[in-house]
């Protein structure tokens, strides 16, 4: 069989990991191994301690409608950050998204490492020791503005509303987790609007579609079979899913993220 002619990107690898993770959450399957973290984790209402499965770089943006723009339409601060922050800190993808996002009134707020967990997302800013925490339950509205860009509105304990964007590889996974739990009829969830038009074709061309998790997600979500359930550490007790994540090159490997090993049929 001839090799596929299309180009498999790092974004495709991230989406495939997202499909496998959400497939395991909703329908039972293997999850990545736990990631040890140097900070205190949240506890659920049942007393079960939170668990972290994935991590990656992030950048948050806040909307500043009254910024003083330069001639290009970007704020001087955003322009300074874009041109002075090394790619090895933000990553090329984050820098590209930051460049695009800086044109429409959104300004950088904080950046560092994001940790995806059962109960929410931990945002550890570079240089800090204690992360900010976004509980899935605290998110009142969310939508995917672009691939890798999640726009969120949260409400704090005192009732204060916060509106911001998170740029991260795991934006789609964060959105799916929240929507499955608290907004199962969100249009981007039920119409599979988070999947790029050519992603399924790439999976089929490589023979990965049936084992990617996307087939089961599409089949169930298209029929409206979305059953919200509380996330708990019992994820790890789910029955193993059919493996299917490819061994494609990805910076996730270099950054220490989990990788599916087709030889051992497990995450490593």
C-alpha atoms as a PDB file:
ATOM      1  CA  UNK A   1       0.000   0.000   0.000  1.00  0.00           C
ATOM      2  CA  UNK A   2       1.340   3.418  -0.934  1.00  0.00           C
ATOM      3  CA  UNK A   3       2.141   5.859   1.838  1.00  0.00           C
ATOM      4  CA  UNK A   4      -0.377   8.659   2.361  1.00  0.00           C
ATOM      5  CA  UNK A   5       0.474  11.796   0.401  1.00  0.00           C
ATOM      6  CA  UNK A   6      -0.922  14.263   2.929  1.00  0.00           C
ATOM      7  CA  UNK A   7       1.195  15.771   5.684  1.00  0.00           C
ATOM      8  CA  UNK A   8       0.754  14.580   9.240  1.00  0.00           C
ATOM      9  CA  UNK A   9       1.441  17.450  11.640  1.00  0.00           C
ATOM     10  CA  UNK A  10       2.024  17.858  15.345  1.00  0.00           C
ATOM     11  CA  UNK A  11      -1.494  19.311  15.564  1.00  0.00           C
ATOM     12  CA  UNK A  12      -2.832  16.034  14.144  1.00  0.00           C
ATOM     13  CA  UNK A  13      -0.940  14.057  16.781  1.00  0.00           C
ATOM     14  CA  UNK A  14      -2.416  16.245  19.516  1.00  0.00           C
ATOM     15  CA  UNK A  15      -5.936  15.745  18.127  1.00  0.00           C
ATOM     16  CA  UNK A  16      -5.383  12.001  18.017  1.00  0.00           C
ATOM     17  CA  UNK A  17      -4.304  12.001  21.672  1.00  0.00           C
ATOM     18  CA  UNK A  18      -7.392  14.103  22.397  1.00  0.00           C
ATOM     19  CA  UNK A  19      -9.644  11.577  20.664  1.00  0.00           C
ATOM     20  CA  UNK A  20      -8.146   8.662  22.590  1.00  0.00           C
ATOM     21  CA  UNK A  21      -8.449  10.477  25.920  1.00  0.00           C
ATOM     22  CA  UNK A  22     -12.050  11.589  25.430  1.00  0.00           C
ATOM     23  CA  UNK A  23     -12.903   8.111  24.109  1.00  0.00           C
ATOM     24  CA  UNK A  24     -11.499   6.601  27.313  1.00  0.00           C
ATOM     25  CA  UNK A  25     -13.420   9.122  29.434  1.00  0.00           C
ATOM     26  CA  UNK A  26     -16.776   8.636  27.737  1.00  0.00           C
ATOM     27  CA  UNK A  27     -16.719   5.003  26.655  1.00  0.00           C
ATOM     28  CA  UNK A  28     -13.940   3.236  28.602  1.00  0.00           C
ATOM     29  CA  UNK A  29     -10.329   2.756  27.599  1.00  0.00           C
ATOM     30  CA  UNK A  30      -6.713   3.414  28.443  1.00  0.00           C
ATOM     31  CA  UNK A  31      -5.636   6.813  29.730  1.00  0.00           C
ATOM     32  CA  UNK A  32      -2.087   8.182  29.786  1.00  0.00           C
ATOM     33  CA  UNK A  33      -0.018   7.386  32.885  1.00  0.00           C
ATOM     34  CA  UNK A  34      -0.256   9.792  35.817  1.00  0.00           C
ATOM     35  CA  UNK A  35       2.093  12.770  35.804  1.00  0.00           C
ATOM     36  CA  UNK A  36       3.747  13.632  39.157  1.00  0.00           C
ATOM     37  CA  UNK A  37       3.526  17.337  40.010  1.00  0.00           C
ATOM     38  CA  UNK A  38       5.335  19.441  42.657  1.00  0.00           C
ATOM     39  CA  UNK A  39       2.206  21.195  43.917  1.00  0.00           C
ATOM     40  CA  UNK A  40      -0.893  20.290  45.898  1.00  0.00           C
ATOM     41  CA  UNK A  41      -3.802  18.860  43.911  1.00  0.00           C
ATOM     42  CA  UNK A  42      -7.510  19.482  44.439  1.00  0.00           C
ATOM     43  CA  UNK A  43      -9.837  17.038  46.185  1.00  0.00           C
ATOM     44  CA  UNK A  44     -13.265  16.096  44.852  1.00  0.00           C
ATOM     45  CA  UNK A  45     -16.502  16.292  46.809  1.00  0.00           C
ATOM     46  CA  UNK A  46     -16.053  12.587  47.573  1.00  0.00           C
ATOM     47  CA  UNK A  47     -12.583  13.243  48.992  1.00  0.00           C
ATOM     48  CA  UNK A  48     -10.781  11.613  46.083  1.00  0.00           C
ATOM     49  CA  UNK A  49      -7.540  13.420  45.273  1.00  0.00           C
ATOM     50  CA  UNK A  50      -7.193  14.806  41.756  1.00  0.00           C
ATOM     51  CA  UNK A  51      -4.922  13.166  39.170  1.00  0.00           C
ATOM     52  CA  UNK A  52      -2.962  14.731  36.293  1.00  0.00           C
ATOM     53  CA  UNK A  53      -2.700  12.980  32.933  1.00  0.00           C
ATOM     54  CA  UNK A  54      -1.345  15.442  30.374  1.00  0.00           C
ATOM     55  CA  UNK A  55       0.714  18.605  30.320  1.00  0.00           C
ATOM     56  CA  UNK A  56       1.898  21.184  27.817  1.00  0.00           C
ATOM     57  CA  UNK A  57       2.770  24.835  27.320  1.00  0.00           C
ATOM     58  CA  UNK A  58       0.027  27.453  27.559  1.00  0.00           C
ATOM     59  CA  UNK A  59      -0.525  31.178  27.115  1.00  0.00           C
ATOM     60  CA  UNK A  60      -3.562  33.051  28.398  1.00  0.00           C
ATOM     61  CA  UNK A  61      -4.969  36.184  26.765  1.00  0.00           C
ATOM     62  CA  UNK A  62      -7.309  38.827  28.141  1.00  0.00           C
ATOM     63  CA  UNK A  63      -9.339  41.300  26.108  1.00  0.00           C
ATOM     64  CA  UNK A  64      -8.236  44.930  26.346  1.00  0.00           C
ATOM     65  CA  UNK A  65     -10.462  47.058  24.117  1.00  0.00           C
ATOM     66  CA  UNK A  66      -8.755  50.318  25.059  1.00  0.00           C
ATOM     67  CA  UNK A  67      -5.155  49.376  24.338  1.00  0.00           C
ATOM     68  CA  UNK A  68      -2.959  51.877  22.527  1.00  0.00           C
ATOM     69  CA  UNK A  69      -2.266  50.142  19.178  1.00  0.00           C
ATOM     70  CA  UNK A  70       0.747  50.616  16.967  1.00  0.00           C
ATOM     71  CA  UNK A  71       0.375  51.072  13.234  1.00  0.00           C
ATOM     72  CA  UNK A  72       0.031  47.331  12.621  1.00  0.00           C
ATOM     73  CA  UNK A  73      -2.983  47.157  14.989  1.00  0.00           C
ATOM     74  CA  UNK A  74      -1.113  45.320  17.741  1.00  0.00           C
ATOM     75  CA  UNK A  75      -0.324  46.749  21.143  1.00  0.00           C
ATOM     76  CA  UNK A  76       3.296  47.675  21.769  1.00  0.00           C
ATOM     77  CA  UNK A  77       3.373  45.263  24.713  1.00  0.00           C
ATOM     78  CA  UNK A  78       2.118  42.323  22.669  1.00  0.00           C
ATOM     79  CA  UNK A  79       4.558  43.162  19.892  1.00  0.00           C
ATOM     80  CA  UNK A  80       7.392  43.333  22.420  1.00  0.00           C
ATOM     81  CA  UNK A  81       6.457  39.972  23.944  1.00  0.00           C
ATOM     82  CA  UNK A  82       6.131  38.315  20.544  1.00  0.00           C
ATOM     83  CA  UNK A  83       9.509  39.470  19.284  1.00  0.00           C
ATOM     84  CA  UNK A  84      11.490  39.052  22.501  1.00  0.00           C
ATOM     85  CA  UNK A  85      10.218  35.743  23.920  1.00  0.00           C
ATOM     86  CA  UNK A  86      12.346  32.826  22.628  1.00  0.00           C
ATOM     87  CA  UNK A  87      10.542  30.066  20.763  1.00  0.00           C
ATOM     88  CA  UNK A  88      11.881  27.470  23.211  1.00  0.00           C
ATOM     89  CA  UNK A  89       9.820  29.133  25.969  1.00  0.00           C
ATOM     90  CA  UNK A  90       6.518  29.606  24.147  1.00  0.00           C
ATOM     91  CA  UNK A  91       6.968  27.073  21.346  1.00  0.00           C
ATOM     92  CA  UNK A  92       6.501  27.910  17.684  1.00  0.00           C
ATOM     93  CA  UNK A  93       2.778  27.069  17.751  1.00  0.00           C
ATOM     94  CA  UNK A  94       2.067  29.361  20.690  1.00  0.00           C
ATOM     95  CA  UNK A  95       4.085  32.153  19.100  1.00  0.00           C
ATOM     96  CA  UNK A  96       2.131  31.838  15.859  1.00  0.00           C
ATOM     97  CA  UNK A  97      -1.212  31.884  17.686  1.00  0.00           C
ATOM     98  CA  UNK A  98      -0.058  34.768  19.854  1.00  0.00           C
ATOM     99  CA  UNK A  99       0.848  36.747  16.745  1.00  0.00           C
ATOM    100  CA  UNK A 100      -2.587  36.133  15.233  1.00  0.00           C
ATOM    101  CA  UNK A 101      -4.502  36.749  18.455  1.00  0.00           C
ATOM    102  CA  UNK A 102      -2.743  40.051  19.118  1.00  0.00           C
ATOM    103  CA  UNK A 103      -4.545  41.734  16.237  1.00  0.00           C
ATOM    104  CA  UNK A 104      -8.074  41.642  17.652  1.00  0.00           C
ATOM    105  CA  UNK A 105      -7.710  43.233  21.069  1.00  0.00           C
ATOM    106  CA  UNK A 106      -6.486  40.248  23.072  1.00  0.00           C
ATOM    107  CA  UNK A 107      -3.298  40.798  25.057  1.00  0.00           C
ATOM    108  CA  UNK A 108      -1.016  38.206  26.745  1.00  0.00           C
ATOM    109  CA  UNK A 109      -1.648  37.706  30.453  1.00  0.00           C
ATOM    110  CA  UNK A 110       0.422  34.738  31.636  1.00  0.00           C
ATOM    111  CA  UNK A 111       2.215  31.694  30.265  1.00  0.00           C
ATOM    112  CA  UNK A 112       3.844  28.510  31.451  1.00  0.00           C
ATOM    113  CA  UNK A 113       2.825  24.862  31.818  1.00  0.00           C
ATOM    114  CA  UNK A 114      -0.761  23.554  31.817  1.00  0.00           C
ATOM    115  CA  UNK A 115      -1.663  20.304  33.577  1.00  0.00           C
ATOM    116  CA  UNK A 116      -4.889  18.549  32.491  1.00  0.00           C
ATOM    117  CA  UNK A 117      -6.600  16.590  35.261  1.00  0.00           C
ATOM    118  CA  UNK A 118      -9.804  14.932  36.392  1.00  0.00           C
ATOM    119  CA  UNK A 119     -11.192  18.029  38.071  1.00  0.00           C
ATOM    120  CA  UNK A 120      -9.855  20.825  35.889  1.00  0.00           C
ATOM    121  CA  UNK A 121      -6.695  22.418  34.549  1.00  0.00           C
ATOM    122  CA  UNK A 122      -3.742  23.702  36.565  1.00  0.00           C
ATOM    123  CA  UNK A 123      -1.932  26.714  35.061  1.00  0.00           C
ATOM    124  CA  UNK A 124       1.592  27.021  36.436  1.00  0.00           C
ATOM    125  CA  UNK A 125       3.089  30.331  35.379  1.00  0.00           C
ATOM    126  CA  UNK A 126       6.775  30.357  34.587  1.00  0.00           C
ATOM    127  CA  UNK A 127       8.708  31.099  37.763  1.00  0.00           C
ATOM    128  CA  UNK A 128       5.785  30.302  40.103  1.00  0.00           C
ATOM    129  CA  UNK A 129       5.463  27.327  42.437  1.00  0.00           C
ATOM    130  CA  UNK A 130       1.697  27.343  42.988  1.00  0.00           C
ATOM    131  CA  UNK A 131      -0.585  27.101  39.934  1.00  0.00           C
ATOM    132  CA  UNK A 132      -3.903  28.755  39.202  1.00  0.00           C
ATOM    133  CA  UNK A 133      -6.734  26.236  38.926  1.00  0.00           C
ATOM    134  CA  UNK A 134      -9.641  26.202  36.481  1.00  0.00           C
ATOM    135  CA  UNK A 135     -12.316  23.815  37.710  1.00  0.00           C
ATOM    136  CA  UNK A 136     -14.547  22.277  35.039  1.00  0.00           C
ATOM    137  CA  UNK A 137     -17.448  23.195  37.311  1.00  0.00           C
ATOM    138  CA  UNK A 138     -16.405  26.874  37.370  1.00  0.00           C
ATOM    139  CA  UNK A 139     -16.621  27.251  33.587  1.00  0.00           C
ATOM    140  CA  UNK A 140     -19.959  28.808  32.670  1.00  0.00           C
ATOM    141  CA  UNK A 141     -19.371  29.251  28.925  1.00  0.00           C
ATOM    142  CA  UNK A 142     -16.706  28.138  26.491  1.00  0.00           C
ATOM    143  CA  UNK A 143     -16.073  27.710  22.802  1.00  0.00           C
ATOM    144  CA  UNK A 144     -13.143  26.941  20.516  1.00  0.00           C
ATOM    145  CA  UNK A 145     -12.139  30.144  18.770  1.00  0.00           C
ATOM    146  CA  UNK A 146      -9.529  28.358  16.646  1.00  0.00           C
ATOM    147  CA  UNK A 147      -7.561  25.135  16.754  1.00  0.00           C
ATOM    148  CA  UNK A 148      -5.657  25.282  20.035  1.00  0.00           C
ATOM    149  CA  UNK A 149      -7.507  28.411  21.259  1.00  0.00           C
ATOM    150  CA  UNK A 150     -10.217  28.015  23.924  1.00  0.00           C
ATOM    151  CA  UNK A 151     -12.283  31.012  25.023  1.00  0.00           C
ATOM    152  CA  UNK A 152     -13.629  30.642  28.562  1.00  0.00           C
ATOM    153  CA  UNK A 153     -15.912  32.479  30.964  1.00  0.00           C
ATOM    154  CA  UNK A 154     -15.654  31.421  34.613  1.00  0.00           C
ATOM    155  CA  UNK A 155     -17.380  32.527  37.803  1.00  0.00           C
ATOM    156  CA  UNK A 156     -15.386  32.614  41.033  1.00  0.00           C
ATOM    157  CA  UNK A 157     -16.497  31.789  44.568  1.00  0.00           C
ATOM    158  CA  UNK A 158     -17.426  35.437  45.181  1.00  0.00           C
ATOM    159  CA  UNK A 159     -19.477  35.583  41.995  1.00  0.00           C
ATOM    160  CA  UNK A 160     -16.911  37.524  39.962  1.00  0.00           C
ATOM    161  CA  UNK A 161     -16.908  36.788  36.221  1.00  0.00           C
ATOM    162  CA  UNK A 162     -13.641  36.291  34.324  1.00  0.00           C
ATOM    163  CA  UNK A 163     -13.347  36.104  30.551  1.00  0.00           C
ATOM    164  CA  UNK A 164     -10.116  34.942  28.880  1.00  0.00           C
ATOM    165  CA  UNK A 165      -8.552  32.726  26.237  1.00  0.00           C
ATOM    166  CA  UNK A 166      -6.185  29.806  26.718  1.00  0.00           C
ATOM    167  CA  UNK A 167      -3.790  28.861  23.932  1.00  0.00           C
ATOM    168  CA  UNK A 168      -2.599  25.279  24.398  1.00  0.00           C
ATOM    169  CA  UNK A 169      -2.294  21.965  22.596  1.00  0.00           C
ATOM    170  CA  UNK A 170      -4.993  20.650  24.931  1.00  0.00           C
ATOM    171  CA  UNK A 171      -7.632  23.320  24.169  1.00  0.00           C
ATOM    172  CA  UNK A 172      -9.867  20.800  22.375  1.00  0.00           C
ATOM    173  CA  UNK A 173      -9.532  18.279  25.183  1.00  0.00           C
ATOM    174  CA  UNK A 174     -10.393  20.909  27.799  1.00  0.00           C
ATOM    175  CA  UNK A 175     -13.455  21.959  25.807  1.00  0.00           C
ATOM    176  CA  UNK A 176     -14.635  18.383  25.261  1.00  0.00           C
ATOM    177  CA  UNK A 177     -14.228  17.461  28.921  1.00  0.00           C
ATOM    178  CA  UNK A 178     -16.223  20.481  30.095  1.00  0.00           C
ATOM    179  CA  UNK A 179     -18.912  20.165  27.412  1.00  0.00           C
ATOM    180  CA  UNK A 180     -19.456  16.445  28.047  1.00  0.00           C
ATOM    181  CA  UNK A 181     -19.939  17.123  31.736  1.00  0.00           C
ATOM    182  CA  UNK A 182     -21.914  20.361  31.777  1.00  0.00           C
ATOM    183  CA  UNK A 183     -23.111  21.286  28.288  1.00  0.00           C
ATOM    184  CA  UNK A 184     -23.688  18.091  26.259  1.00  0.00           C
ATOM    185  CA  UNK A 185     -25.730  19.939  23.649  1.00  0.00           C
ATOM    186  CA  UNK A 186     -23.078  22.546  22.881  1.00  0.00           C
ATOM    187  CA  UNK A 187     -23.125  22.986  19.065  1.00  0.00           C
ATOM    188  CA  UNK A 188     -19.374  22.547  18.711  1.00  0.00           C
ATOM    189  CA  UNK A 189     -19.663  19.236  20.552  1.00  0.00           C
ATOM    190  CA  UNK A 190     -22.732  17.750  18.870  1.00  0.00           C
ATOM    191  CA  UNK A 191     -21.646  18.771  15.349  1.00  0.00           C
ATOM    192  CA  UNK A 192     -18.028  17.716  15.955  1.00  0.00           C
ATOM    193  CA  UNK A 193     -17.031  21.264  15.030  1.00  0.00           C
ATOM    194  CA  UNK A 194     -13.709  20.837  16.855  1.00  0.00           C
ATOM    195  CA  UNK A 195     -12.412  18.387  14.233  1.00  0.00           C
ATOM    196  CA  UNK A 196     -10.628  19.895  11.181  1.00  0.00           C
ATOM    197  CA  UNK A 197     -12.157  18.955   7.841  1.00  0.00           C
ATOM    198  CA  UNK A 198      -9.192  16.855   6.706  1.00  0.00           C
ATOM    199  CA  UNK A 199      -8.438  15.077   9.991  1.00  0.00           C
ATOM    200  CA  UNK A 200     -10.697  12.074   9.430  1.00  0.00           C
ATOM    201  CA  UNK A 201      -9.306  11.616   5.906  1.00  0.00           C
ATOM    202  CA  UNK A 202      -5.768  11.545   7.301  1.00  0.00           C
ATOM    203  CA  UNK A 203      -6.754   8.864   9.806  1.00  0.00           C
ATOM    204  CA  UNK A 204      -8.447   6.756   7.143  1.00  0.00           C
ATOM    205  CA  UNK A 205      -5.491   7.084   4.783  1.00  0.00           C
ATOM    206  CA  UNK A 206      -3.246   5.581   7.463  1.00  0.00           C
ATOM    207  CA  UNK A 207      -5.701   2.920   8.591  1.00  0.00           C
ATOM    208  CA  UNK A 208      -6.054   4.492  12.035  1.00  0.00           C
ATOM    209  CA  UNK A 209      -9.658   5.689  11.954  1.00  0.00           C
ATOM    210  CA  UNK A 210     -11.352   2.712  13.635  1.00  0.00           C
ATOM    211  CA  UNK A 211      -8.789   2.539  16.449  1.00  0.00           C
ATOM    212  CA  UNK A 212      -8.338   6.273  16.953  1.00  0.00           C
ATOM    213  CA  UNK A 213     -11.393   6.747  19.153  1.00  0.00           C
ATOM    214  CA  UNK A 214     -12.895   9.164  16.639  1.00  0.00           C
ATOM    215  CA  UNK A 215     -15.126   6.472  15.103  1.00  0.00           C
ATOM    216  CA  UNK A 216     -16.830   5.776  18.437  1.00  0.00           C
ATOM    217  CA  UNK A 217     -17.007   9.487  19.311  1.00  0.00           C
ATOM    218  CA  UNK A 218     -18.628  10.321  15.959  1.00  0.00           C
ATOM    219  CA  UNK A 219     -21.058   7.413  16.172  1.00  0.00           C
ATOM    220  CA  UNK A 220     -22.252   8.234  19.684  1.00  0.00           C
ATOM    221  CA  UNK A 221     -22.205  12.013  19.613  1.00  0.00           C
ATOM    222  CA  UNK A 222     -23.958  12.130  16.237  1.00  0.00           C
ATOM    223  CA  UNK A 223     -26.886  10.204  17.789  1.00  0.00           C
ATOM    224  CA  UNK A 224     -26.938  12.520  20.774  1.00  0.00           C
ATOM    225  CA  UNK A 225     -25.789   9.819  23.188  1.00  0.00           C
ATOM    226  CA  UNK A 226     -23.871  12.041  25.577  1.00  0.00           C
ATOM    227  CA  UNK A 227     -24.178  11.121  29.226  1.00  0.00           C
ATOM    228  CA  UNK A 228     -22.509  13.597  31.594  1.00  0.00           C
ATOM    229  CA  UNK A 229     -20.830  11.908  34.531  1.00  0.00           C
ATOM    230  CA  UNK A 230     -18.521  13.071  37.274  1.00  0.00           C
ATOM    231  CA  UNK A 231     -14.847  12.572  36.559  1.00  0.00           C
ATOM    232  CA  UNK A 232     -13.100  10.489  39.194  1.00  0.00           C
ATOM    233  CA  UNK A 233      -9.909   8.510  39.515  1.00  0.00           C
ATOM    234  CA  UNK A 234     -11.841   5.394  38.468  1.00  0.00           C
ATOM    235  CA  UNK A 235     -10.828   6.334  34.906  1.00  0.00           C
ATOM    236  CA  UNK A 236      -7.785   4.132  35.369  1.00  0.00           C
ATOM    237  CA  UNK A 237      -9.999   1.144  36.110  1.00  0.00           C
ATOM    238  CA  UNK A 238     -11.711   1.272  32.703  1.00  0.00           C
ATOM    239  CA  UNK A 239     -11.385  -1.612  30.275  1.00  0.00           C
ATOM    240  CA  UNK A 240      -8.501  -1.201  27.776  1.00  0.00           C
ATOM    241  CA  UNK A 241      -9.394   0.286  24.403  1.00  0.00           C
ATOM    242  CA  UNK A 242      -8.052  -0.925  21.077  1.00  0.00           C
ATOM    243  CA  UNK A 243      -4.702   0.842  20.603  1.00  0.00           C
ATOM    244  CA  UNK A 244      -4.327   3.114  17.636  1.00  0.00           C
ATOM    245  CA  UNK A 245      -2.178   6.176  18.325  1.00  0.00           C
ATOM    246  CA  UNK A 246       0.575   6.264  15.696  1.00  0.00           C
ATOM    247  CA  UNK A 247       4.288   6.570  16.379  1.00  0.00           C
ATOM    248  CA  UNK A 248       4.522   9.820  14.401  1.00  0.00           C
ATOM    249  CA  UNK A 249       7.235  12.342  15.335  1.00  0.00           C
ATOM    250  CA  UNK A 250       5.939  14.952  17.778  1.00  0.00           C
ATOM    251  CA  UNK A 251       7.370  17.587  20.088  1.00  0.00           C
ATOM    252  CA  UNK A 252       5.201  16.012  22.797  1.00  0.00           C
ATOM    253  CA  UNK A 253       7.863  13.317  22.992  1.00  0.00           C
ATOM    254  CA  UNK A 254      10.602  15.903  23.427  1.00  0.00           C
ATOM    255  CA  UNK A 255       8.650  17.762  26.115  1.00  0.00           C
ATOM    256  CA  UNK A 256       8.156  14.649  28.193  1.00  0.00           C
ATOM    257  CA  UNK A 257       4.496  14.154  27.328  1.00  0.00           C
ATOM    258  CA  UNK A 258       2.950  10.687  27.174  1.00  0.00           C
ATOM    259  CA  UNK A 259       3.385   8.656  23.997  1.00  0.00           C
ATOM    260  CA  UNK A 260       1.479   5.589  22.843  1.00  0.00           C
ATOM    261  CA  UNK A 261       3.867   2.729  22.049  1.00  0.00           C
ATOM    262  CA  UNK A 262       2.370   0.440  19.375  1.00  0.00           C
ATOM    263  CA  UNK A 263       4.931  -2.286  20.179  1.00  0.00           C
ATOM    264  CA  UNK A 264       3.991  -2.653  23.851  1.00  0.00           C
ATOM    265  CA  UNK A 265       0.363  -1.547  23.312  1.00  0.00           C
ATOM    266  CA  UNK A 266       0.605   0.974  26.141  1.00  0.00           C
ATOM    267  CA  UNK A 267       1.301   4.587  27.071  1.00  0.00           C
ATOM    268  CA  UNK A 268       4.849   5.406  28.038  1.00  0.00           C
END
